[in-house]
Amino acid sequence: MGSISTGHPAALLGLGAYRPRRVVTNDEVCEHLEVDADWVFARSGIATRRMAEPDETVVAMATSAARDALAAAGLSPADVGVTLVATMSADTTCPQVATRVADAVGAVHGAAMDIGAACAGFCYALEVAASLVSAGHRAVLLVGVERMTDIVEPTDRSTAFLFGDGAGAAVVGPATEPGIGPAAWGADGSQSTLIRQEPTWGEVAAGDPRRPALRMEGPAVFRWATSRMVSLTSEALEKAGCKPEQLDAFVPHQANARITDALVRALTLPEHVTVARDVAVSGNTSAASVPLAMHEVLTSGQARPGDLALLCGFGAGLTFAAQVVTLPPVLPATG
């Protein structure tokens, strides 16, 4: 197994997850769409997704995943210096999700804030967390959580069948050996309209009767992701001083099985590298996608704590990030 070359003395210390109770099949989703279940699976690789019940709020799911991550890390809430929550489906603009999660967990002696970078949110927040630890902060509690089904239009064929709900959490803390490689990341606002809320809040205030919902230009996003992410992941490997053959796992954002397949082909990863394919049962969970997929490869035995994994996230903004990490200890998913 290879090692990560980086100046960040931080590592992932524990991982937790929450998956909503309700499993929704393609047949159920297609009741609102003029397509059938086979069409959905062929276009996305998604067979089921989880949809949160009313009591499974973003705060409740994030809190459950966070508690499991702390337990896996062997830490208490008092050890947490900063709480970060990556989400694009917060139930309110104010107060932030992070402050309420920190309170619910008991991590009340540090800062808390939300990070809005859509499907790249977890990878963005991971770079922030590693930098905070490097700067001398105590452990950072990091959560990616979404109720995407709150912000999609059930009759929209470009988004309705893709998204699901859930939460993944990690603890980042000081380590004797670096376990989080430097992020290769960026943003391209010139293409921000490819994934957007429509109508805007201003248009709603002006009288637009439509329900604000997530809209996406699917073919254009596919072309962008399958081209831009190849160079980005290569950059992340180079920054970490890691070669593809040293990897044990590849954990990309679970946007679409066709995007994952295209990335695997373009990166020419060795056959021994486990590829996360949680999208088949969880759908696209945006900022929760990467930690949930990382959790799945660990709890299924496809990868082990201590293995090297390449993570990457990409989404609305457009935002994108990738880094090499050493996989952490994990507890089975709650929910």
C-alpha atoms as a PDB file:
ATOM      1  CA  MET A   1       0.000   0.000   0.000  1.00  0.00           C
ATOM      2  CA  GLY A   2       1.280   3.478  -0.845  1.00  0.00           C
ATOM      3  CA  SER A   3       1.464   6.541   1.355  1.00  0.00           C
ATOM      4  CA  ILE A   4       0.273  10.110   0.980  1.00  0.00           C
ATOM      5  CA  SER A   5       2.836  12.874   0.563  1.00  0.00           C
ATOM      6  CA  THR A   6       1.371  16.028   2.096  1.00  0.00           C
ATOM      7  CA  GLY A   7       2.094  18.667   4.672  1.00  0.00           C
ATOM      8  CA  HIS A   8      -1.287  18.245   6.386  1.00  0.00           C
ATOM      9  CA  PRO A   9      -0.866  16.327   9.689  1.00  0.00           C
ATOM     10  CA  ALA A  10      -4.543  15.327   9.651  1.00  0.00           C
ATOM     11  CA  ALA A  11      -6.495  12.163   8.969  1.00  0.00           C
ATOM     12  CA  LEU A  12     -10.006  10.749   8.914  1.00  0.00           C
ATOM     13  CA  LEU A  13     -10.474   9.206  12.370  1.00  0.00           C
ATOM     14  CA  GLY A  14     -13.996   7.809  12.097  1.00  0.00           C
ATOM     15  CA  LEU A  15     -16.971   7.510   9.744  1.00  0.00           C
ATOM     16  CA  GLY A  16     -20.708   7.206  10.305  1.00  0.00           C
ATOM     17  CA  ALA A  17     -23.844   7.206   8.146  1.00  0.00           C
ATOM     18  CA  TYR A  18     -27.610   7.504   8.281  1.00  0.00           C
ATOM     19  CA  ARG A  19     -29.877   6.046   5.617  1.00  0.00           C
ATOM     20  CA  PRO A  20     -33.600   6.908   5.752  1.00  0.00           C
ATOM     21  CA  ARG A  21     -36.008   4.092   6.513  1.00  0.00           C
ATOM     22  CA  ARG A  22     -38.086   4.333   3.347  1.00  0.00           C
ATOM     23  CA  VAL A  23     -36.793   2.576   0.231  1.00  0.00           C
ATOM     24  CA  VAL A  24     -38.337   3.886  -3.013  1.00  0.00           C
ATOM     25  CA  THR A  25     -38.224   1.830  -6.208  1.00  0.00           C
ATOM     26  CA  ASN A  26     -38.085   3.081  -9.776  1.00  0.00           C
ATOM     27  CA  ASP A  27     -41.660   1.915 -10.283  1.00  0.00           C
ATOM     28  CA  GLU A  28     -42.837   4.257  -7.548  1.00  0.00           C
ATOM     29  CA  VAL A  29     -40.832   7.215  -8.889  1.00  0.00           C
ATOM     30  CA  CYS A  30     -42.151   6.594 -12.394  1.00  0.00           C
ATOM     31  CA  GLU A  31     -45.756   7.027 -11.244  1.00  0.00           C
ATOM     32  CA  HIS A  32     -45.139  10.773 -11.701  1.00  0.00           C
ATOM     33  CA  LEU A  33     -43.089  10.523 -14.899  1.00  0.00           C
ATOM     34  CA  GLU A  34     -43.896   9.490 -18.450  1.00  0.00           C
ATOM     35  CA  VAL A  35     -41.155   6.837 -18.431  1.00  0.00           C
ATOM     36  CA  ASP A  36     -40.788   3.303 -17.088  1.00  0.00           C
ATOM     37  CA  ALA A  37     -38.460   1.747 -14.514  1.00  0.00           C
ATOM     38  CA  ASP A  38     -36.207   0.173 -17.150  1.00  0.00           C
ATOM     39  CA  TRP A  39     -35.610   3.575 -18.758  1.00  0.00           C
ATOM     40  CA  VAL A  40     -34.590   5.038 -15.396  1.00  0.00           C
ATOM     41  CA  PHE A  41     -32.143   2.214 -14.673  1.00  0.00           C
ATOM     42  CA  ALA A  42     -30.625   2.347 -18.156  1.00  0.00           C
ATOM     43  CA  ARG A  43     -29.983   6.099 -17.913  1.00  0.00           C
ATOM     44  CA  SER A  44     -28.743   6.204 -14.313  1.00  0.00           C
ATOM     45  CA  GLY A  45     -27.887   2.773 -12.918  1.00  0.00           C
ATOM     46  CA  ILE A  46     -30.249   3.561 -10.028  1.00  0.00           C
ATOM     47  CA  ALA A  47     -32.594   0.808  -8.853  1.00  0.00           C
ATOM     48  CA  THR A  48     -33.733   2.322  -5.538  1.00  0.00           C
ATOM     49  CA  ARG A  49     -33.170   5.383  -3.413  1.00  0.00           C
ATOM     50  CA  ARG A  50     -33.978   6.378   0.181  1.00  0.00           C
ATOM     51  CA  MET A  51     -36.534   9.094   0.862  1.00  0.00           C
ATOM     52  CA  ALA A  52     -36.718  10.712   4.285  1.00  0.00           C
ATOM     53  CA  GLU A  53     -39.899  10.652   6.343  1.00  0.00           C
ATOM     54  CA  PRO A  54     -41.043  13.863   8.100  1.00  0.00           C
ATOM     55  CA  ASP A  55     -39.173  13.026  11.311  1.00  0.00           C
ATOM     56  CA  GLU A  56     -35.939  12.357   9.390  1.00  0.00           C
ATOM     57  CA  THR A  57     -34.952  16.009   9.108  1.00  0.00           C
ATOM     58  CA  VAL A  58     -31.562  17.212   7.914  1.00  0.00           C
ATOM     59  CA  VAL A  59     -30.651  17.895  11.546  1.00  0.00           C
ATOM     60  CA  ALA A  60     -31.861  14.501  12.786  1.00  0.00           C
ATOM     61  CA  MET A  61     -30.061  12.550  10.041  1.00  0.00           C
ATOM     62  CA  ALA A  62     -26.877  14.589  10.412  1.00  0.00           C
ATOM     63  CA  THR A  63     -26.902  14.152  14.181  1.00  0.00           C
ATOM     64  CA  SER A  64     -27.277  10.375  13.962  1.00  0.00           C
ATOM     65  CA  ALA A  65     -24.434  10.051  11.444  1.00  0.00           C
ATOM     66  CA  ALA A  66     -22.256  12.416  13.501  1.00  0.00           C
ATOM     67  CA  ARG A  67     -22.706  10.401  16.684  1.00  0.00           C
ATOM     68  CA  ASP A  68     -21.658   7.245  14.865  1.00  0.00           C
ATOM     69  CA  ALA A  69     -18.599   8.973  13.407  1.00  0.00           C
ATOM     70  CA  LEU A  70     -17.519  10.145  16.860  1.00  0.00           C
ATOM     71  CA  ALA A  71     -18.012   6.630  18.262  1.00  0.00           C
ATOM     72  CA  ALA A  72     -15.979   5.122  15.419  1.00  0.00           C
ATOM     73  CA  ALA A  73     -13.212   7.657  16.139  1.00  0.00           C
ATOM     74  CA  GLY A  74     -13.308   6.928  19.869  1.00  0.00           C
ATOM     75  CA  LEU A  75     -13.910  10.604  20.642  1.00  0.00           C
ATOM     76  CA  SER A  76     -16.485  12.515  22.658  1.00  0.00           C
ATOM     77  CA  PRO A  77     -18.354  15.687  21.668  1.00  0.00           C
ATOM     78  CA  ALA A  78     -16.051  17.618  24.002  1.00  0.00           C
ATOM     79  CA  ASP A  79     -13.158  16.759  21.681  1.00  0.00           C
ATOM     80  CA  VAL A  80     -14.770  18.618  18.750  1.00  0.00           C
ATOM     81  CA  GLY A  81     -13.428  22.081  18.005  1.00  0.00           C
ATOM     82  CA  VAL A  82     -15.385  22.793  14.812  1.00  0.00           C
ATOM     83  CA  THR A  83     -18.564  21.371  13.273  1.00  0.00           C
ATOM     84  CA  LEU A  84     -18.979  21.655   9.498  1.00  0.00           C
ATOM     85  CA  VAL A  85     -22.139  20.672   7.610  1.00  0.00           C
ATOM     86  CA  ALA A  86     -22.136  20.428   3.821  1.00  0.00           C
ATOM     87  CA  THR A  87     -25.641  20.644   2.376  1.00  0.00           C
ATOM     88  CA  MET A  88     -27.695  22.190  -0.414  1.00  0.00           C
ATOM     89  CA  SER A  89     -31.086  21.245   1.039  1.00  0.00           C
ATOM     90  CA  ALA A  90     -31.092  22.965   4.422  1.00  0.00           C
ATOM     91  CA  ASP A  91     -34.563  23.222   5.935  1.00  0.00           C
ATOM     92  CA  THR A  92     -33.965  26.901   6.719  1.00  0.00           C
ATOM     93  CA  THR A  93     -31.529  29.554   5.528  1.00  0.00           C
ATOM     94  CA  CYS A  94     -31.293  30.711   9.134  1.00  0.00           C
ATOM     95  CA  PRO A  95     -30.416  29.178  11.549  1.00  0.00           C
ATOM     96  CA  GLN A  96     -27.720  27.097   9.911  1.00  0.00           C
ATOM     97  CA  VAL A  97     -27.874  23.311  10.084  1.00  0.00           C
ATOM     98  CA  ALA A  98     -24.388  23.055  11.630  1.00  0.00           C
ATOM     99  CA  THR A  99     -25.216  25.038  14.763  1.00  0.00           C
ATOM    100  CA  ARG A 100     -28.197  22.800  15.500  1.00  0.00           C
ATOM    101  CA  VAL A 101     -26.252  19.603  14.805  1.00  0.00           C
ATOM    102  CA  ALA A 102     -23.434  20.730  17.103  1.00  0.00           C
ATOM    103  CA  ASP A 103     -25.979  21.414  19.831  1.00  0.00           C
ATOM    104  CA  ALA A 104     -27.754  18.080  19.344  1.00  0.00           C
ATOM    105  CA  VAL A 105     -24.483  16.153  19.434  1.00  0.00           C
ATOM    106  CA  GLY A 106     -23.123  18.141  22.378  1.00  0.00           C
ATOM    107  CA  ALA A 107     -20.193  19.703  20.532  1.00  0.00           C
ATOM    108  CA  VAL A 108     -20.975  23.081  22.069  1.00  0.00           C
ATOM    109  CA  HIS A 109     -17.467  24.373  22.799  1.00  0.00           C
ATOM    110  CA  GLY A 110     -16.433  25.266  19.262  1.00  0.00           C
ATOM    111  CA  ALA A 111     -17.450  26.918  16.008  1.00  0.00           C
ATOM    112  CA  ALA A 112     -20.101  25.623  13.612  1.00  0.00           C
ATOM    113  CA  MET A 113     -20.961  26.564  10.055  1.00  0.00           C
ATOM    114  CA  ASP A 114     -22.590  25.298   6.869  1.00  0.00           C
ATOM    115  CA  ILE A 115     -20.691  24.880   3.620  1.00  0.00           C
ATOM    116  CA  GLY A 116     -22.675  25.196   0.397  1.00  0.00           C
ATOM    117  CA  ALA A 117     -20.816  23.546  -2.464  1.00  0.00           C
ATOM    118  CA  ALA A 118     -23.575  21.187  -3.621  1.00  0.00           C
ATOM    119  CA  CYS A 119     -22.373  17.705  -4.616  1.00  0.00           C
ATOM    120  CA  ALA A 120     -18.733  18.712  -4.061  1.00  0.00           C
ATOM    121  CA  GLY A 121     -19.608  19.853  -0.538  1.00  0.00           C
ATOM    122  CA  PHE A 122     -18.090  16.966   1.399  1.00  0.00           C
ATOM    123  CA  CYS A 123     -14.783  17.101  -0.478  1.00  0.00           C
ATOM    124  CA  TYR A 124     -14.672  20.900  -0.117  1.00  0.00           C
ATOM    125  CA  ALA A 125     -15.372  20.625   3.609  1.00  0.00           C
ATOM    126  CA  LEU A 126     -12.765  17.877   3.984  1.00  0.00           C
ATOM    127  CA  GLU A 127     -10.066  20.233   2.685  1.00  0.00           C
ATOM    128  CA  VAL A 128     -11.286  22.937   5.081  1.00  0.00           C
ATOM    129  CA  ALA A 129     -11.290  20.455   7.982  1.00  0.00           C
ATOM    130  CA  ALA A 130      -7.755  19.259   7.230  1.00  0.00           C
ATOM    131  CA  SER A 131      -6.555  22.862   7.055  1.00  0.00           C
ATOM    132  CA  LEU A 132      -8.202  23.674  10.398  1.00  0.00           C
ATOM    133  CA  VAL A 133      -6.520  20.716  12.065  1.00  0.00           C
ATOM    134  CA  SER A 134      -3.207  21.710  10.486  1.00  0.00           C
ATOM    135  CA  ALA A 135      -3.682  25.188  11.962  1.00  0.00           C
ATOM    136  CA  GLY A 136      -3.978  23.725  15.455  1.00  0.00           C
ATOM    137  CA  HIS A 137      -7.715  23.237  15.948  1.00  0.00           C
ATOM    138  CA  ARG A 138      -9.072  20.224  17.776  1.00  0.00           C
ATOM    139  CA  ALA A 139     -10.985  17.530  15.944  1.00  0.00           C
ATOM    140  CA  VAL A 140     -13.391  18.675  13.235  1.00  0.00           C
ATOM    141  CA  LEU A 141     -16.787  17.016  12.909  1.00  0.00           C
ATOM    142  CA  LEU A 142     -17.806  17.004   9.253  1.00  0.00           C
ATOM    143  CA  VAL A 143     -21.244  16.022   7.934  1.00  0.00           C
ATOM    144  CA  GLY A 144     -22.690  15.805   4.435  1.00  0.00           C
ATOM    145  CA  VAL A 145     -26.487  15.674   4.663  1.00  0.00           C
ATOM    146  CA  GLU A 146     -29.323  16.099   2.190  1.00  0.00           C
ATOM    147  CA  ARG A 147     -33.077  15.873   1.804  1.00  0.00           C
ATOM    148  CA  MET A 148     -32.841  16.261  -1.952  1.00  0.00           C
ATOM    149  CA  THR A 149     -36.405  15.025  -2.368  1.00  0.00           C
ATOM    150  CA  ASP A 150     -37.519  18.321  -0.787  1.00  0.00           C
ATOM    151  CA  ILE A 151     -35.982  20.381  -3.592  1.00  0.00           C
ATOM    152  CA  VAL A 152     -36.769  18.380  -6.736  1.00  0.00           C
ATOM    153  CA  GLU A 153     -39.983  18.522  -8.723  1.00  0.00           C
ATOM    154  CA  PRO A 154     -41.538  14.993  -8.763  1.00  0.00           C
ATOM    155  CA  THR A 155     -42.669  15.417 -12.390  1.00  0.00           C
ATOM    156  CA  ASP A 156     -39.331  16.655 -13.743  1.00  0.00           C
ATOM    157  CA  ARG A 157     -37.753  13.919 -15.880  1.00  0.00           C
ATOM    158  CA  SER A 158     -34.287  15.506 -15.647  1.00  0.00           C
ATOM    159  CA  THR A 159     -34.027  15.245 -11.845  1.00  0.00           C
ATOM    160  CA  ALA A 160     -36.875  13.382 -10.112  1.00  0.00           C
ATOM    161  CA  PHE A 161     -35.523   9.839 -10.488  1.00  0.00           C
ATOM    162  CA  LEU A 162     -31.901  10.725  -9.700  1.00  0.00           C
ATOM    163  CA  PHE A 163     -31.966  11.993  -6.144  1.00  0.00           C
ATOM    164  CA  GLY A 164     -32.280  10.502  -2.681  1.00  0.00           C
ATOM    165  CA  ASP A 165     -31.782  11.481   0.957  1.00  0.00           C
ATOM    166  CA  GLY A 166     -29.287  10.600   3.675  1.00  0.00           C
ATOM    167  CA  ALA A 167     -26.286  11.675   5.729  1.00  0.00           C
ATOM    168  CA  GLY A 168     -22.634  10.712   6.051  1.00  0.00           C
ATOM    169  CA  ALA A 169     -20.283  12.034   8.726  1.00  0.00           C
ATOM    170  CA  ALA A 170     -16.572  11.946   9.436  1.00  0.00           C
ATOM    171  CA  VAL A 171     -14.222  13.087  12.156  1.00  0.00           C
ATOM    172  CA  VAL A 172     -10.983  14.750  11.042  1.00  0.00           C
ATOM    173  CA  GLY A 173      -8.236  15.121  13.603  1.00  0.00           C
ATOM    174  CA  PRO A 174      -4.500  15.235  14.278  1.00  0.00           C
ATOM    175  CA  ALA A 175      -2.549  12.159  13.241  1.00  0.00           C
ATOM    176  CA  THR A 176       1.029  10.954  13.425  1.00  0.00           C
ATOM    177  CA  GLU A 177       0.943  10.255   9.686  1.00  0.00           C
ATOM    178  CA  PRO A 178      -0.901  12.425   7.129  1.00  0.00           C
ATOM    179  CA  GLY A 179      -4.052  10.740   5.938  1.00  0.00           C
ATOM    180  CA  ILE A 180      -5.699  13.444   3.817  1.00  0.00           C
ATOM    181  CA  GLY A 181      -3.999  14.551   0.623  1.00  0.00           C
ATOM    182  CA  PRO A 182      -4.135  18.136  -0.652  1.00  0.00           C
ATOM    183  CA  ALA A 183      -7.308  18.895  -2.573  1.00  0.00           C
ATOM    184  CA  ALA A 184      -7.370  19.508  -6.290  1.00  0.00           C
ATOM    185  CA  TRP A 185     -10.390  21.764  -6.478  1.00  0.00           C
ATOM    186  CA  GLY A 186     -12.025  24.655  -8.238  1.00  0.00           C
ATOM    187  CA  ALA A 187     -15.213  26.265  -9.500  1.00  0.00           C
ATOM    188  CA  ASP A 188     -16.612  27.383 -12.847  1.00  0.00           C
ATOM    189  CA  GLY A 189     -19.398  29.919 -12.428  1.00  0.00           C
ATOM    190  CA  SER A 190     -19.589  30.453 -16.178  1.00  0.00           C
ATOM    191  CA  GLN A 191     -21.590  27.211 -16.325  1.00  0.00           C
ATOM    192  CA  SER A 192     -23.677  27.824 -13.227  1.00  0.00           C
ATOM    193  CA  THR A 193     -26.965  27.562 -15.125  1.00  0.00           C
ATOM    194  CA  LEU A 194     -26.394  23.875 -15.903  1.00  0.00           C
ATOM    195  CA  ILE A 195     -27.673  23.009 -12.406  1.00  0.00           C
ATOM    196  CA  ARG A 196     -29.863  25.667 -10.849  1.00  0.00           C
ATOM    197  CA  GLN A 197     -32.911  26.529  -8.756  1.00  0.00           C
ATOM    198  CA  GLU A 198     -35.832  27.622 -10.902  1.00  0.00           C
ATOM    199  CA  PRO A 199     -37.643  29.892 -10.353  1.00  0.00           C
ATOM    200  CA  THR A 200     -35.386  32.058  -8.199  1.00  0.00           C
ATOM    201  CA  TRP A 201     -36.675  33.460  -4.913  1.00  0.00           C
ATOM    202  CA  GLY A 202     -36.822  36.874  -6.555  1.00  0.00           C
ATOM    203  CA  GLU A 203     -39.068  35.510  -9.290  1.00  0.00           C
ATOM    204  CA  VAL A 204     -41.300  33.856  -6.676  1.00  0.00           C
ATOM    205  CA  ALA A 205     -41.575  37.150  -4.796  1.00  0.00           C
ATOM    206  CA  ALA A 206     -42.529  38.827  -8.079  1.00  0.00           C
ATOM    207  CA  GLY A 207     -45.421  36.412  -8.507  1.00  0.00           C
ATOM    208  CA  ASP A 208     -44.061  33.373 -10.340  1.00  0.00           C
ATOM    209  CA  PRO A 209     -46.519  30.592  -9.337  1.00  0.00           C
ATOM    210  CA  ARG A 210     -44.109  27.709  -9.920  1.00  0.00           C
ATOM    211  CA  ARG A 211     -42.595  25.762  -7.038  1.00  0.00           C
ATOM    212  CA  PRO A 212     -38.847  26.512  -6.696  1.00  0.00           C
ATOM    213  CA  ALA A 213     -37.025  23.301  -7.621  1.00  0.00           C
ATOM    214  CA  LEU A 214     -33.708  21.948  -8.810  1.00  0.00           C
ATOM    215  CA  ARG A 215     -33.312  21.939 -12.595  1.00  0.00           C
ATOM    216  CA  MET A 216     -30.499  20.369 -14.546  1.00  0.00           C
ATOM    217  CA  GLU A 217     -29.204  20.194 -18.107  1.00  0.00           C
ATOM    218  CA  GLY A 218     -28.365  16.498 -17.904  1.00  0.00           C
ATOM    219  CA  PRO A 219     -26.453  15.901 -21.179  1.00  0.00           C
ATOM    220  CA  ALA A 220     -24.293  18.998 -20.684  1.00  0.00           C
ATOM    221  CA  VAL A 221     -23.497  18.016 -17.080  1.00  0.00           C
ATOM    222  CA  PHE A 222     -22.555  14.509 -18.243  1.00  0.00           C
ATOM    223  CA  ARG A 223     -20.155  15.879 -20.857  1.00  0.00           C
ATOM    224  CA  TRP A 224     -18.585  18.291 -18.382  1.00  0.00           C
ATOM    225  CA  ALA A 225     -18.180  15.733 -15.577  1.00  0.00           C
ATOM    226  CA  THR A 226     -16.671  13.023 -17.767  1.00  0.00           C
ATOM    227  CA  SER A 227     -14.077  15.427 -19.142  1.00  0.00           C
ATOM    228  CA  ARG A 228     -13.171  17.781 -16.278  1.00  0.00           C
ATOM    229  CA  MET A 229     -13.021  15.121 -13.557  1.00  0.00           C
ATOM    230  CA  VAL A 230     -10.340  13.078 -15.315  1.00  0.00           C
ATOM    231  CA  SER A 231      -7.741  15.846 -15.134  1.00  0.00           C
ATOM    232  CA  LEU A 232      -8.902  16.807 -11.633  1.00  0.00           C
ATOM    233  CA  THR A 233      -8.447  13.320 -10.192  1.00  0.00           C
ATOM    234  CA  SER A 234      -5.074  13.009 -11.899  1.00  0.00           C
ATOM    235  CA  GLU A 235      -4.063  16.284 -10.257  1.00  0.00           C
ATOM    236  CA  ALA A 236      -5.199  15.002  -6.845  1.00  0.00           C
ATOM    237  CA  LEU A 237      -3.079  11.861  -7.266  1.00  0.00           C
ATOM    238  CA  GLU A 238      -0.060  13.939  -8.241  1.00  0.00           C
ATOM    239  CA  LYS A 239      -0.496  16.296  -5.271  1.00  0.00           C
ATOM    240  CA  ALA A 240      -0.662  13.316  -2.909  1.00  0.00           C
ATOM    241  CA  GLY A 241       2.385  11.677  -4.464  1.00  0.00           C
ATOM    242  CA  CYS A 242       0.263   8.639  -5.236  1.00  0.00           C
ATOM    243  CA  LYS A 243       0.070   6.493  -8.362  1.00  0.00           C
ATOM    244  CA  PRO A 244      -3.156   4.820  -9.557  1.00  0.00           C
ATOM    245  CA  GLU A 245      -1.748   1.351  -8.834  1.00  0.00           C
ATOM    246  CA  GLN A 246      -1.257   2.313  -5.185  1.00  0.00           C
ATOM    247  CA  LEU A 247      -4.974   2.949  -4.722  1.00  0.00           C
ATOM    248  CA  ASP A 248      -7.280   0.451  -3.044  1.00  0.00           C
ATOM    249  CA  ALA A 249     -10.555   2.262  -3.769  1.00  0.00           C
ATOM    250  CA  PHE A 250     -12.090   4.947  -5.963  1.00  0.00           C
ATOM    251  CA  VAL A 251     -15.031   6.790  -4.366  1.00  0.00           C
ATOM    252  CA  PRO A 252     -16.505   9.294  -6.827  1.00  0.00           C
ATOM    253  CA  HIS A 253     -19.623  11.364  -6.271  1.00  0.00           C
ATOM    254  CA  GLN A 254     -22.543   9.019  -6.897  1.00  0.00           C
ATOM    255  CA  ALA A 255     -24.193  11.140  -9.560  1.00  0.00           C
ATOM    256  CA  ASN A 256     -24.943   8.533 -12.167  1.00  0.00           C
ATOM    257  CA  ALA A 257     -23.554   5.055 -12.896  1.00  0.00           C
ATOM    258  CA  ARG A 258     -22.757   6.068 -16.483  1.00  0.00           C
ATOM    259  CA  ILE A 259     -20.550   8.930 -15.250  1.00  0.00           C
ATOM    260  CA  THR A 260     -18.734   6.579 -12.858  1.00  0.00           C
ATOM    261  CA  ASP A 261     -18.176   4.046 -15.666  1.00  0.00           C
ATOM    262  CA  ALA A 262     -16.806   6.758 -17.951  1.00  0.00           C
ATOM    263  CA  LEU A 263     -14.409   8.005 -15.266  1.00  0.00           C
ATOM    264  CA  VAL A 264     -13.131   4.505 -14.520  1.00  0.00           C
ATOM    265  CA  ARG A 265     -12.424   3.926 -18.219  1.00  0.00           C
ATOM    266  CA  ALA A 266     -10.694   7.277 -18.655  1.00  0.00           C
ATOM    267  CA  LEU A 267      -8.542   6.876 -15.549  1.00  0.00           C
ATOM    268  CA  THR A 268      -7.546   3.296 -16.544  1.00  0.00           C
ATOM    269  CA  LEU A 269      -7.615   2.217 -12.909  1.00  0.00           C
ATOM    270  CA  PRO A 270      -6.107  -1.207 -12.146  1.00  0.00           C
ATOM    271  CA  GLU A 271      -8.591  -4.059 -11.685  1.00  0.00           C
ATOM    272  CA  HIS A 272      -7.785  -4.418  -7.983  1.00  0.00           C
ATOM    273  CA  VAL A 273      -9.164  -0.925  -7.229  1.00  0.00           C
ATOM    274  CA  THR A 274     -12.631  -1.129  -5.675  1.00  0.00           C
ATOM    275  CA  VAL A 275     -15.070   1.300  -7.300  1.00  0.00           C
ATOM    276  CA  ALA A 276     -17.894   2.639  -5.114  1.00  0.00           C
ATOM    277  CA  ARG A 277     -21.301   2.087  -6.717  1.00  0.00           C
ATOM    278  CA  ASP A 278     -23.659   3.098  -3.941  1.00  0.00           C
ATOM    279  CA  VAL A 279     -25.733   5.063  -6.472  1.00  0.00           C
ATOM    280  CA  ALA A 280     -27.548   1.844  -7.393  1.00  0.00           C
ATOM    281  CA  VAL A 281     -29.324   1.687  -4.030  1.00  0.00           C
ATOM    282  CA  SER A 282     -29.047   5.260  -2.703  1.00  0.00           C
ATOM    283  CA  GLY A 283     -29.398   7.463  -5.768  1.00  0.00           C
ATOM    284  CA  ASN A 284     -27.635  10.815  -5.922  1.00  0.00           C
ATOM    285  CA  THR A 285     -27.479  12.233  -2.395  1.00  0.00           C
ATOM    286  CA  SER A 286     -25.410  15.325  -3.298  1.00  0.00           C
ATOM    287  CA  ALA A 287     -23.182  16.360  -0.364  1.00  0.00           C
ATOM    288  CA  ALA A 288     -23.945  13.072   1.435  1.00  0.00           C
ATOM    289  CA  SER A 289     -22.935  11.025  -1.599  1.00  0.00           C
ATOM    290  CA  VAL A 290     -19.172  10.632  -1.056  1.00  0.00           C
ATOM    291  CA  PRO A 291     -19.292   9.775   2.680  1.00  0.00           C
ATOM    292  CA  LEU A 292     -22.206   7.360   2.146  1.00  0.00           C
ATOM    293  CA  ALA A 293     -20.344   5.643  -0.699  1.00  0.00           C
ATOM    294  CA  MET A 294     -17.143   5.525   1.369  1.00  0.00           C
ATOM    295  CA  HIS A 295     -19.159   4.023   4.221  1.00  0.00           C
ATOM    296  CA  GLU A 296     -20.664   1.383   1.931  1.00  0.00           C
ATOM    297  CA  VAL A 297     -17.338   0.099   0.559  1.00  0.00           C
ATOM    298  CA  LEU A 298     -16.048  -0.220   4.134  1.00  0.00           C
ATOM    299  CA  THR A 299     -19.054  -1.880   5.748  1.00  0.00           C
ATOM    300  CA  SER A 300     -19.460  -4.270   2.798  1.00  0.00           C
ATOM    301  CA  GLY A 301     -15.840  -5.401   3.128  1.00  0.00           C
ATOM    302  CA  GLN A 302     -14.832  -4.158  -0.317  1.00  0.00           C
ATOM    303  CA  ALA A 303     -12.255  -1.912   1.383  1.00  0.00           C
ATOM    304  CA  ARG A 304     -10.687  -1.750   4.831  1.00  0.00           C
ATOM    305  CA  PRO A 305      -9.668   0.995   7.260  1.00  0.00           C
ATOM    306  CA  GLY A 306      -6.149   2.073   6.332  1.00  0.00           C
ATOM    307  CA  ASP A 307      -6.661   1.547   2.598  1.00  0.00           C
ATOM    308  CA  LEU A 308      -5.913   4.379   0.199  1.00  0.00           C
ATOM    309  CA  ALA A 309      -8.924   5.869  -1.592  1.00  0.00           C
ATOM    310  CA  LEU A 310      -9.350   8.566  -4.218  1.00  0.00           C
ATOM    311  CA  LEU A 311     -12.404  10.740  -3.525  1.00  0.00           C
ATOM    312  CA  CYS A 312     -13.993  13.209  -5.920  1.00  0.00           C
ATOM    313  CA  GLY A 313     -17.099  15.367  -5.898  1.00  0.00           C
ATOM    314  CA  PHE A 314     -18.649  17.610  -8.528  1.00  0.00           C
ATOM    315  CA  GLY A 315     -21.892  19.499  -8.888  1.00  0.00           C
ATOM    316  CA  ALA A 316     -23.851  22.730  -8.978  1.00  0.00           C
ATOM    317  CA  GLY A 317     -21.906  25.934  -9.085  1.00  0.00           C
ATOM    318  CA  LEU A 318     -20.153  24.360 -10.887  1.00  0.00           C
ATOM    319  CA  THR A 319     -17.924  23.055  -8.070  1.00  0.00           C
ATOM    320  CA  PHE A 320     -15.416  20.217  -8.109  1.00  0.00           C
ATOM    321  CA  ALA A 321     -12.842  18.703  -5.749  1.00  0.00           C
ATOM    322  CA  ALA A 322     -10.782  15.546  -5.313  1.00  0.00           C
ATOM    323  CA  GLN A 323      -8.278  14.205  -2.791  1.00  0.00           C
ATOM    324  CA  VAL A 324      -6.559  10.982  -1.743  1.00  0.00           C
ATOM    325  CA  VAL A 325      -7.331   9.761   1.786  1.00  0.00           C
ATOM    326  CA  THR A 326      -6.604   6.885   4.102  1.00  0.00           C
ATOM    327  CA  LEU A 327      -9.928   5.227   4.902  1.00  0.00           C
ATOM    328  CA  PRO A 328     -11.029   5.467   8.548  1.00  0.00           C
ATOM    329  CA  PRO A 329     -12.672   3.128  11.094  1.00  0.00           C
ATOM    330  CA  VAL A 330     -16.406   2.832  10.577  1.00  0.00           C
ATOM    331  CA  LEU A 331     -19.623   1.821  12.321  1.00  0.00           C
ATOM    332  CA  PRO A 332     -22.601   0.226  10.510  1.00  0.00           C
ATOM    333  CA  ALA A 333     -25.146   2.706   9.181  1.00  0.00           C
ATOM    334  CA  THR A 334     -27.990   3.882  11.379  1.00  0.00           C
ATOM    335  CA  GLY A 335     -31.409   3.794   9.777  1.00  0.00           C
END
